[in-house]
Protein backbone atom coordinates (compact mmCIF):
# COMPACT_ATOMS: atom_id res chain seq x y z
CA MET A 1 0.15 0.51 -0.05
CA ALA A 2 2.71 2.72 0.72
CA LYS A 3 4.71 1.60 -2.57
CA GLU A 4 1.64 2.51 -4.00
CA ALA A 5 1.22 6.39 -2.52
CA GLU A 6 5.00 6.77 -3.18
CA VAL A 7 4.29 5.52 -7.42
CA PHE A 8 1.19 8.09 -7.38
CA GLY A 9 2.81 10.46 -5.46
CA SER A 10 6.39 10.71 -7.87
CA LEU A 11 3.78 10.33 -11.09
CA SER A 12 2.04 13.34 -9.54
CA PHE A 13 5.59 15.41 -9.27
CA LEU A 14 6.39 14.46 -12.99
CA SER A 15 3.04 15.52 -14.30
CA GLN A 16 3.40 19.17 -12.51
CA LEU A 17 6.95 19.16 -13.55
CA ARG A 18 5.73 18.29 -17.45
CA TYR A 19 2.79 21.30 -16.97
CA ARG A 20 5.97 23.68 -15.51
CA HIS A 21 8.37 22.88 -18.77
CA LEU A 22 4.98 23.20 -20.76
CA VAL A 23 4.18 27.09 -19.53
CA ALA A 24 8.05 27.73 -19.15
CA GLY A 25 7.94 27.04 -22.83
CA VAL A 26 5.19 28.64 -23.87
CA ALA A 27 6.12 31.79 -21.76
CA GLY A 28 9.60 32.33 -23.41
CA GLY A 29 8.03 31.15 -27.18
CA VAL A 30 5.59 34.25 -26.59
CA THR A 31 8.34 36.50 -24.85
CA ALA A 32 10.62 36.08 -28.01
CA THR A 33 7.85 36.73 -30.10
CA LEU A 34 6.83 40.13 -28.82
CA LEU A 35 10.42 41.00 -28.51
CA THR A 36 12.00 40.49 -32.24
CA HIS A 37 8.49 40.56 -34.57
CA PRO A 38 8.61 44.45 -34.77
CA PHE A 39 12.86 44.10 -35.79
CA ASP A 40 11.59 41.98 -38.40
CA LEU A 41 9.00 43.85 -39.71
CA ILE A 42 11.53 46.78 -40.19
CA LYS A 43 14.01 44.76 -41.08
CA LEU A 44 11.13 43.23 -43.81
CA ARG A 45 10.27 47.16 -45.10
CA LEU A 46 13.82 48.41 -45.52
CA ALA A 47 15.07 45.42 -47.74
CA GLY A 48 11.66 46.34 -49.66
CA ARG A 49 12.17 49.56 -49.91
CA GLU A 50 15.93 48.82 -51.39
CA ARG A 51 14.54 46.11 -53.73
CA TYR A 52 11.35 47.93 -55.02
CA GLY A 53 11.71 51.61 -54.11
CA ARG A 54 9.65 53.70 -51.63
CA ALA A 55 6.41 51.57 -50.05
CA ASP A 56 3.23 54.12 -51.07
CA LYS A 57 4.68 53.51 -54.63
CA LEU A 58 3.47 50.17 -54.93
């Protein structure tokens, strides 16, 4: 009986650890996207201007 409780207790810990990794990964991905997206947009717009001229002439 004590062995079963020990096994279920460790499973609970593992599932909790998986959720922590999931939450940390999602938070890191969202943060990285929010911080780098504006710079990527600026880079693309500058590259488009060099190739096609001003954006308002399109």
